[in-house]
Amino acid sequence: MTLLSQILRPASTPLTFSLRSLSTSAPLIGADALGLSMAGIISVYIRLALGGQFEPEIYWRLWPLFGVMLLIYGLAQLYPAVGLSPVEELRRLCLCTTLFYMSMGAFVFLAREGTTYSRGIFLMAWLLSMVGVWLSRIAGVCEFGKQFRQR
């Protein structure tokens, strides 16, 4: 097996989803959305606090892209993530997040919007997204597990 096929392995398997997995997927989707949102908000306001000369509203127009990010996570079979080792789950999260931000950066460059959006914000958002999604998944699973055990 080549290195490229090992890297793309999560994306090369068919997407399957059933309503039975909704109870385990919904908390993960919510946790991922929260982690991505917080990463975006924190990175924009950190850059603004460091003397950035921009309007934060231009970044709020990018919010639909977080839906694309959740779709990418779904294609990488991170929902419902049952049967994945924590190492494999983290590997897929980092790979998908990195590919998303690289693609977004290439799109911004090709659309000649390079001066509109800050590279520093994208870099911070990328790093915070990887950490934030991972931590929000851990917190979400722990909280969901507590509520599930109480039933």
N, C-alpha and C. Protein backbone atom coordinates (compact mmCIF):
# COMPACT_ATOMS: atom_id res chain seq x y z
N MET A 1 0.84 -1.17 0.00
CA MET A 1 0.00 0.00 0.00
C MET A 1 0.90 1.24 0.00
N THR A 2 0.64 2.17 -0.91
CA THR A 2 1.46 3.36 -1.01
C THR A 2 1.07 4.36 0.08
N LEU A 3 1.94 5.33 0.29
CA LEU A 3 1.68 6.34 1.30
C LEU A 3 0.43 7.14 0.96
N LEU A 4 0.25 7.49 -0.32
CA LEU A 4 -0.92 8.26 -0.72
C LEU A 4 -2.21 7.49 -0.48
N SER A 5 -2.22 6.20 -0.77
CA SER A 5 -3.44 5.42 -0.54
C SER A 5 -3.71 5.27 0.95
N GLN A 6 -2.67 5.24 1.78
CA GLN A 6 -2.88 5.19 3.23
C GLN A 6 -3.48 6.49 3.74
N ILE A 7 -3.02 7.61 3.19
CA ILE A 7 -3.53 8.91 3.62
C ILE A 7 -4.98 9.09 3.19
N LEU A 8 -5.30 8.70 1.97
CA LEU A 8 -6.64 8.92 1.44
C LEU A 8 -7.61 7.80 1.76
N ARG A 9 -7.18 6.80 2.47
CA ARG A 9 -8.03 5.66 2.80
C ARG A 9 -9.37 6.06 3.40
N PRO A 10 -9.44 7.01 4.36
CA PRO A 10 -10.75 7.34 4.91
C PRO A 10 -11.71 7.91 3.87
N ALA A 11 -11.19 8.62 2.88
CA ALA A 11 -12.04 9.25 1.89
C ALA A 11 -12.42 8.31 0.76
N SER A 12 -11.79 7.16 0.68
CA SER A 12 -12.04 6.28 -0.46
C SER A 12 -13.07 5.20 -0.17
N THR A 13 -13.61 5.16 1.04
CA THR A 13 -14.62 4.16 1.36
C THR A 13 -16.00 4.76 1.16
N PRO A 14 -17.01 3.93 0.88
CA PRO A 14 -18.34 4.46 0.62
C PRO A 14 -18.96 5.06 1.88
N LEU A 15 -19.78 6.08 1.68
CA LEU A 15 -20.45 6.75 2.78
C LEU A 15 -21.73 6.00 3.11
N THR A 16 -21.88 5.59 4.33
CA THR A 16 -23.10 4.93 4.79
C THR A 16 -23.59 5.64 6.03
N PHE A 17 -24.89 5.76 6.14
CA PHE A 17 -25.48 6.42 7.29
C PHE A 17 -26.86 5.84 7.51
N SER A 18 -27.18 5.56 8.75
CA SER A 18 -28.51 5.07 9.07
C SER A 18 -29.08 5.92 10.19
N LEU A 19 -30.39 5.87 10.34
CA LEU A 19 -31.02 6.64 11.40
C LEU A 19 -30.66 6.10 12.77
N ARG A 20 -30.28 4.84 12.84
CA ARG A 20 -29.87 4.28 14.13
C ARG A 20 -28.60 4.94 14.65
N SER A 21 -27.76 5.42 13.75
CA SER A 21 -26.52 6.07 14.18
C SER A 21 -26.72 7.55 14.47
N LEU A 22 -27.94 8.04 14.29
CA LEU A 22 -28.21 9.46 14.54
C LEU A 22 -27.98 9.83 16.01
N SER A 23 -28.30 8.92 16.92
CA SER A 23 -28.13 9.23 18.34
C SER A 23 -26.66 9.38 18.73
N THR A 24 -25.77 8.75 18.01
CA THR A 24 -24.34 8.93 18.29
C THR A 24 -23.72 10.00 17.40
N SER A 25 -24.31 10.25 16.24
CA SER A 25 -23.76 11.25 15.33
C SER A 25 -24.13 12.67 15.74
N ALA A 26 -25.34 12.87 16.22
CA ALA A 26 -25.81 14.23 16.55
C ALA A 26 -24.93 14.93 17.58
N PRO A 27 -24.55 14.28 18.68
CA PRO A 27 -23.65 14.98 19.62
C PRO A 27 -22.29 15.30 19.00
N LEU A 28 -21.79 14.42 18.14
CA LEU A 28 -20.50 14.68 17.50
C LEU A 28 -20.59 15.84 16.52
N ILE A 29 -21.68 15.89 15.75
CA ILE A 29 -21.88 17.00 14.81
C ILE A 29 -21.99 18.31 15.56
N GLY A 30 -22.76 18.31 16.66
CA GLY A 30 -22.87 19.52 17.48
C GLY A 30 -21.54 19.94 18.08
N ALA A 31 -20.78 18.97 18.56
CA ALA A 31 -19.47 19.28 19.14
C ALA A 31 -18.52 19.82 18.08
N ASP A 32 -18.55 19.23 16.88
CA ASP A 32 -17.69 19.71 15.81
C ASP A 32 -18.07 21.13 15.38
N ALA A 33 -19.38 21.39 15.27
CA ALA A 33 -19.84 22.72 14.89
C ALA A 33 -19.41 23.75 15.94
N LEU A 34 -19.52 23.38 17.21
CA LEU A 34 -19.10 24.28 18.28
C LEU A 34 -17.59 24.53 18.23
N GLY A 35 -16.81 23.47 18.05
CA GLY A 35 -15.36 23.62 17.99
C GLY A 35 -14.91 24.48 16.82
N LEU A 36 -15.51 24.27 15.65
CA LEU A 36 -15.16 25.06 14.47
C LEU A 36 -15.58 26.52 14.64
N SER A 37 -16.77 26.74 15.19
CA SER A 37 -17.26 28.10 15.40
C SER A 37 -16.35 28.87 16.35
N MET A 38 -16.02 28.23 17.46
CA MET A 38 -15.17 28.90 18.44
C MET A 38 -13.78 29.18 17.87
N ALA A 39 -13.25 28.27 17.07
CA ALA A 39 -11.94 28.49 16.45
C ALA A 39 -11.99 29.71 15.53
N GLY A 40 -13.05 29.83 14.74
CA GLY A 40 -13.18 30.98 13.85
C GLY A 40 -13.33 32.29 14.60
N ILE A 41 -14.20 32.29 15.60
CA ILE A 41 -14.45 33.51 16.36
C ILE A 41 -13.19 33.95 17.11
N ILE A 42 -12.54 33.02 17.78
CA ILE A 42 -11.34 33.35 18.56
C ILE A 42 -10.23 33.87 17.65
N SER A 43 -10.02 33.23 16.50
CA SER A 43 -8.92 33.67 15.63
C SER A 43 -9.19 35.06 15.05
N VAL A 44 -10.44 35.37 14.70
CA VAL A 44 -10.75 36.70 14.17
C VAL A 44 -10.51 37.77 15.24
N TYR A 45 -10.97 37.52 16.45
CA TYR A 45 -10.84 38.54 17.48
C TYR A 45 -9.43 38.64 18.06
N ILE A 46 -8.66 37.57 18.02
CA ILE A 46 -7.24 37.68 18.42
C ILE A 46 -6.51 38.57 17.42
N ARG A 47 -6.76 38.35 16.13
CA ARG A 47 -6.10 39.16 15.10
C ARG A 47 -6.53 40.62 15.20
N LEU A 48 -7.80 40.84 15.51
CA LEU A 48 -8.29 42.20 15.67
C LEU A 48 -7.64 42.87 16.88
N ALA A 49 -7.46 42.12 17.97
CA ALA A 49 -6.82 42.66 19.18
C ALA A 49 -5.34 42.96 18.96
N LEU A 50 -4.72 42.24 18.02
CA LEU A 50 -3.30 42.47 17.73
C LEU A 50 -3.08 43.59 16.72
N GLY A 51 -4.11 44.37 16.46
CA GLY A 51 -3.96 45.53 15.58
C GLY A 51 -4.35 45.29 14.15
N GLY A 52 -5.15 44.30 13.89
CA GLY A 52 -5.62 44.05 12.53
C GLY A 52 -6.55 45.15 12.06
N GLN A 53 -6.35 45.60 10.84
CA GLN A 53 -7.18 46.65 10.26
C GLN A 53 -8.16 46.03 9.26
N PHE A 54 -9.25 45.49 9.77
CA PHE A 54 -10.25 44.86 8.92
C PHE A 54 -11.58 44.87 9.64
N GLU A 55 -12.61 44.59 8.90
CA GLU A 55 -13.96 44.47 9.47
C GLU A 55 -14.23 42.99 9.71
N PRO A 56 -14.56 42.60 10.94
CA PRO A 56 -14.83 41.18 11.22
C PRO A 56 -15.99 40.61 10.40
N GLU A 57 -16.86 41.47 9.91
CA GLU A 57 -18.03 41.00 9.16
C GLU A 57 -17.65 40.26 7.88
N ILE A 58 -16.48 40.55 7.31
CA ILE A 58 -16.11 39.84 6.08
C ILE A 58 -15.87 38.36 6.33
N TYR A 59 -15.51 38.02 7.56
CA TYR A 59 -15.29 36.61 7.90
C TYR A 59 -16.60 35.90 8.22
N TRP A 60 -17.61 36.64 8.65
CA TRP A 60 -18.89 35.99 8.96
C TRP A 60 -19.56 35.50 7.68
N ARG A 61 -19.18 36.05 6.53
CA ARG A 61 -19.72 35.56 5.26
C ARG A 61 -19.21 34.17 4.91
N LEU A 62 -18.18 33.71 5.59
CA LEU A 62 -17.61 32.38 5.33
C LEU A 62 -18.27 31.28 6.15
N TRP A 63 -19.28 31.60 6.97
CA TRP A 63 -19.90 30.59 7.83
C TRP A 63 -20.48 29.41 7.08
N PRO A 64 -21.05 29.56 5.88
CA PRO A 64 -21.55 28.36 5.18
C PRO A 64 -20.46 27.32 4.91
N LEU A 65 -19.21 27.73 4.90
CA LEU A 65 -18.13 26.78 4.66
C LEU A 65 -17.97 25.79 5.81
N PHE A 66 -18.45 26.14 6.99
CA PHE A 66 -18.37 25.19 8.10
C PHE A 66 -19.31 24.01 7.88
N GLY A 67 -20.40 24.24 7.13
CA GLY A 67 -21.25 23.11 6.73
C GLY A 67 -20.50 22.17 5.80
N VAL A 68 -19.68 22.75 4.93
CA VAL A 68 -18.85 21.93 4.04
C VAL A 68 -17.85 21.13 4.88
N MET A 69 -17.33 21.76 5.91
CA MET A 69 -16.38 21.06 6.78
C MET A 69 -17.03 19.87 7.46
N LEU A 70 -18.26 20.03 7.93
CA LEU A 70 -18.98 18.92 8.56
C LEU A 70 -19.26 17.82 7.55
N LEU A 71 -19.53 18.20 6.31
CA LEU A 71 -19.73 17.21 5.25
C LEU A 71 -18.44 16.43 4.99
N ILE A 72 -17.32 17.12 4.99
CA ILE A 72 -16.02 16.46 4.80
C ILE A 72 -15.76 15.48 5.94
N TYR A 73 -16.07 15.89 7.16
CA TYR A 73 -15.92 14.97 8.29
C TYR A 73 -16.81 13.74 8.11
N GLY A 74 -18.01 13.95 7.59
CA GLY A 74 -18.90 12.82 7.34
C GLY A 74 -18.35 11.89 6.28
N LEU A 75 -17.78 12.45 5.22
CA LEU A 75 -17.19 11.62 4.17
C LEU A 75 -15.99 10.83 4.67
N ALA A 76 -15.31 11.36 5.66
CA ALA A 76 -14.16 10.66 6.26
C ALA A 76 -14.61 9.67 7.33
N GLN A 77 -15.91 9.47 7.42
CA GLN A 77 -16.53 8.52 8.35
C GLN A 77 -16.22 8.85 9.81
N LEU A 78 -16.24 10.13 10.12
CA LEU A 78 -16.09 10.56 11.50
C LEU A 78 -17.43 10.61 12.22
N TYR A 79 -18.51 10.35 11.50
CA TYR A 79 -19.84 10.23 12.10
C TYR A 79 -20.35 8.85 11.77
N PRO A 80 -20.70 8.03 12.67
CA PRO A 80 -20.77 8.20 14.12
C PRO A 80 -19.46 7.90 14.83
N ALA A 81 -18.41 7.56 14.13
CA ALA A 81 -17.07 7.32 14.71
C ALA A 81 -17.06 6.14 15.67
N VAL A 82 -17.99 5.24 15.51
CA VAL A 82 -18.02 4.03 16.34
C VAL A 82 -17.02 3.05 15.76
N GLY A 83 -16.19 2.49 16.61
CA GLY A 83 -15.21 1.51 16.16
C GLY A 83 -13.89 2.11 15.72
N LEU A 84 -13.77 3.43 15.79
CA LEU A 84 -12.50 4.08 15.45
C LEU A 84 -11.66 4.21 16.71
N SER A 85 -10.39 3.92 16.59
CA SER A 85 -9.50 4.16 17.72
C SER A 85 -9.31 5.67 17.87
N PRO A 86 -9.01 6.15 19.06
CA PRO A 86 -8.78 7.59 19.24
C PRO A 86 -7.66 8.12 18.34
N VAL A 87 -6.66 7.32 18.08
CA VAL A 87 -5.56 7.75 17.22
C VAL A 87 -6.05 7.93 15.79
N GLU A 88 -6.84 6.98 15.29
CA GLU A 88 -7.37 7.07 13.93
C GLU A 88 -8.35 8.24 13.81
N GLU A 89 -9.16 8.45 14.83
CA GLU A 89 -10.10 9.57 14.81
C GLU A 89 -9.35 10.90 14.76
N LEU A 90 -8.31 11.05 15.58
CA LEU A 90 -7.51 12.27 15.57
C LEU A 90 -6.78 12.45 14.25
N ARG A 91 -6.28 11.36 13.67
CA ARG A 91 -5.60 11.43 12.38
C ARG A 91 -6.55 11.93 11.30
N ARG A 92 -7.76 11.39 11.28
CA ARG A 92 -8.74 11.81 10.28
C ARG A 92 -9.17 13.26 10.49
N LEU A 93 -9.35 13.65 11.75
CA LEU A 93 -9.71 15.05 12.04
C LEU A 93 -8.63 16.00 11.53
N CYS A 94 -7.38 15.70 11.84
CA CYS A 94 -6.27 16.57 11.42
C CYS A 94 -6.13 16.60 9.90
N LEU A 95 -6.25 15.45 9.27
CA LEU A 95 -6.13 15.37 7.81
C LEU A 95 -7.24 16.16 7.13
N CYS A 96 -8.47 15.95 7.54
CA CYS A 96 -9.60 16.64 6.92
C CYS A 96 -9.55 18.14 7.16
N THR A 97 -9.21 18.54 8.37
CA THR A 97 -9.13 19.96 8.70
C THR A 97 -8.02 20.63 7.90
N THR A 98 -6.87 19.98 7.79
CA THR A 98 -5.76 20.54 7.03
C THR A 98 -6.10 20.66 5.55
N LEU A 99 -6.68 19.62 4.98
CA LEU A 99 -7.06 19.68 3.57
C LEU A 99 -8.10 20.76 3.31
N PHE A 100 -9.03 20.93 4.23
CA PHE A 100 -10.05 21.97 4.08
C PHE A 100 -9.42 23.36 4.07
N TYR A 101 -8.57 23.65 5.04
CA TYR A 101 -7.97 24.98 5.11
C TYR A 101 -6.99 25.22 3.96
N MET A 102 -6.29 24.19 3.51
CA MET A 102 -5.42 24.35 2.34
C MET A 102 -6.25 24.64 1.09
N SER A 103 -7.35 23.95 0.94
CA SER A 103 -8.24 24.19 -0.21
C SER A 103 -8.84 25.58 -0.15
N MET A 104 -9.24 26.00 1.04
CA MET A 104 -9.81 27.33 1.20
C MET A 104 -8.77 28.40 0.89
N GLY A 105 -7.54 28.20 1.34
CA GLY A 105 -6.47 29.15 1.03
C GLY A 105 -6.18 29.22 -0.46
N ALA A 106 -6.18 28.06 -1.12
CA ALA A 106 -5.96 28.05 -2.57
C ALA A 106 -7.09 28.74 -3.30
N PHE A 107 -8.32 28.53 -2.85
CA PHE A 107 -9.46 29.17 -3.48
C PHE A 107 -9.40 30.69 -3.32
N VAL A 108 -9.05 31.15 -2.13
CA VAL A 108 -8.93 32.59 -1.90
C VAL A 108 -7.83 33.18 -2.78
N PHE A 109 -6.72 32.46 -2.92
CA PHE A 109 -5.62 32.93 -3.76
C PHE A 109 -6.06 32.99 -5.23
N LEU A 110 -6.71 31.92 -5.71
CA LEU A 110 -7.13 31.88 -7.11
C LEU A 110 -8.24 32.87 -7.41
N ALA A 111 -9.06 33.19 -6.42
CA ALA A 111 -10.13 34.17 -6.62
C ALA A 111 -9.61 35.60 -6.49
N ARG A 112 -8.31 35.74 -6.28
CA ARG A 112 -7.65 37.04 -6.15
C ARG A 112 -8.23 37.87 -5.00
N GLU A 113 -8.55 37.19 -3.94
CA GLU A 113 -9.04 37.84 -2.72
C GLU A 113 -7.98 37.80 -1.63
N GLY A 114 -6.73 37.61 -2.03
CA GLY A 114 -5.64 37.43 -1.07
C GLY A 114 -5.43 38.60 -0.14
N THR A 115 -5.75 39.81 -0.58
CA THR A 115 -5.57 40.97 0.29
C THR A 115 -6.77 41.22 1.18
N THR A 116 -7.89 40.59 0.88
CA THR A 116 -9.10 40.77 1.68
C THR A 116 -9.03 40.00 2.98
N TYR A 117 -8.57 38.76 2.90
CA TYR A 117 -8.54 37.88 4.06
C TYR A 117 -7.12 37.76 4.61
N SER A 118 -7.02 37.71 5.92
CA SER A 118 -5.72 37.65 6.60
C SER A 118 -5.20 36.21 6.64
N ARG A 119 -3.95 36.04 6.23
CA ARG A 119 -3.31 34.72 6.33
C ARG A 119 -3.17 34.31 7.79
N GLY A 120 -2.91 35.27 8.65
CA GLY A 120 -2.77 34.98 10.07
C GLY A 120 -4.05 34.42 10.67
N ILE A 121 -5.19 34.94 10.25
CA ILE A 121 -6.46 34.43 10.76
C ILE A 121 -6.68 33.01 10.28
N PHE A 122 -6.39 32.74 9.02
CA PHE A 122 -6.55 31.37 8.51
C PHE A 122 -5.61 30.40 9.22
N LEU A 123 -4.39 30.84 9.48
CA LEU A 123 -3.43 29.97 10.17
C LEU A 123 -3.90 29.69 11.61
N MET A 124 -4.34 30.74 12.31
CA MET A 124 -4.84 30.54 13.67
C MET A 124 -6.09 29.67 13.67
N ALA A 125 -6.99 29.93 12.72
CA ALA A 125 -8.24 29.15 12.66
C ALA A 125 -7.94 27.69 12.37
N TRP A 126 -6.96 27.42 11.52
CA TRP A 126 -6.59 26.03 11.21
C TRP A 126 -6.11 25.31 12.47
N LEU A 127 -5.17 25.93 13.18
CA LEU A 127 -4.63 25.31 14.39
C LEU A 127 -5.69 25.19 15.48
N LEU A 128 -6.46 26.25 15.69
CA LEU A 128 -7.50 26.21 16.71
C LEU A 128 -8.62 25.24 16.34
N SER A 129 -8.87 25.06 15.04
CA SER A 129 -9.90 24.09 14.63
C SER A 129 -9.49 22.68 14.98
N MET A 130 -8.24 22.34 14.73
CA MET A 130 -7.80 20.99 15.06
C MET A 130 -7.89 20.73 16.56
N VAL A 131 -7.43 21.68 17.36
CA VAL A 131 -7.47 21.51 18.81
C VAL A 131 -8.91 21.63 19.33
N GLY A 132 -9.64 22.63 18.83
CA GLY A 132 -10.99 22.87 19.31
C GLY A 132 -11.96 21.75 19.00
N VAL A 133 -11.90 21.21 17.80
CA VAL A 133 -12.80 20.11 17.44
C VAL A 133 -12.46 18.88 18.27
N TRP A 134 -11.20 18.61 18.45
CA TRP A 134 -10.79 17.45 19.25
C TRP A 134 -11.27 17.59 20.69
N LEU A 135 -11.05 18.77 21.30
CA LEU A 135 -11.47 18.97 22.68
C LEU A 135 -12.99 18.99 22.82
N SER A 136 -13.69 19.59 21.86
CA SER A 136 -15.15 19.62 21.95
C SER A 136 -15.73 18.23 21.77
N ARG A 137 -15.10 17.39 20.95
CA ARG A 137 -15.55 16.00 20.83
C ARG A 137 -15.37 15.26 22.15
N ILE A 138 -14.24 15.46 22.79
CA ILE A 138 -14.00 14.80 24.08
C ILE A 138 -15.05 15.25 25.10
N ALA A 139 -15.27 16.56 25.19
CA ALA A 139 -16.25 17.08 26.15
C ALA A 139 -17.66 16.62 25.80
N GLY A 140 -17.99 16.63 24.51
CA GLY A 140 -19.32 16.20 24.09
C GLY A 140 -19.58 14.73 24.36
N VAL A 141 -18.60 13.90 24.10
CA VAL A 141 -18.77 12.46 24.34
C VAL A 141 -18.89 12.19 25.84
N CYS A 142 -18.09 12.89 26.65
CA CYS A 142 -18.17 12.70 28.11
C CYS A 142 -19.54 13.13 28.62
N GLU A 143 -20.04 14.27 28.17
CA GLU A 143 -21.35 14.75 28.62
C GLU A 143 -22.46 13.84 28.13
N PHE A 144 -22.38 13.44 26.87
CA PHE A 144 -23.41 12.54 26.32
C PHE A 144 -23.40 11.21 27.05
N GLY A 145 -22.22 10.72 27.39
CA GLY A 145 -22.11 9.46 28.12
C GLY A 145 -22.73 9.54 29.50
N LYS A 146 -22.56 10.69 30.18
CA LYS A 146 -23.17 10.87 31.50
C LYS A 146 -24.70 10.83 31.40
N GLN A 147 -25.23 11.54 30.41
CA GLN A 147 -26.69 11.59 30.26
C GLN A 147 -27.23 10.24 29.84
N PHE A 148 -26.48 9.53 29.03
CA PHE A 148 -26.94 8.21 28.57
C PHE A 148 -26.97 7.22 29.73
N ARG A 149 -25.97 7.29 30.61
CA ARG A 149 -25.92 6.38 31.76
C ARG A 149 -27.01 6.67 32.77
N GLN A 150 -27.49 7.92 32.84
CA GLN A 150 -28.53 8.28 33.80
C GLN A 150 -29.90 7.77 33.40
N ARG A 151 -30.09 7.40 32.15
CA ARG A 151 -31.40 6.93 31.68
C ARG A 151 -31.70 5.56 32.14
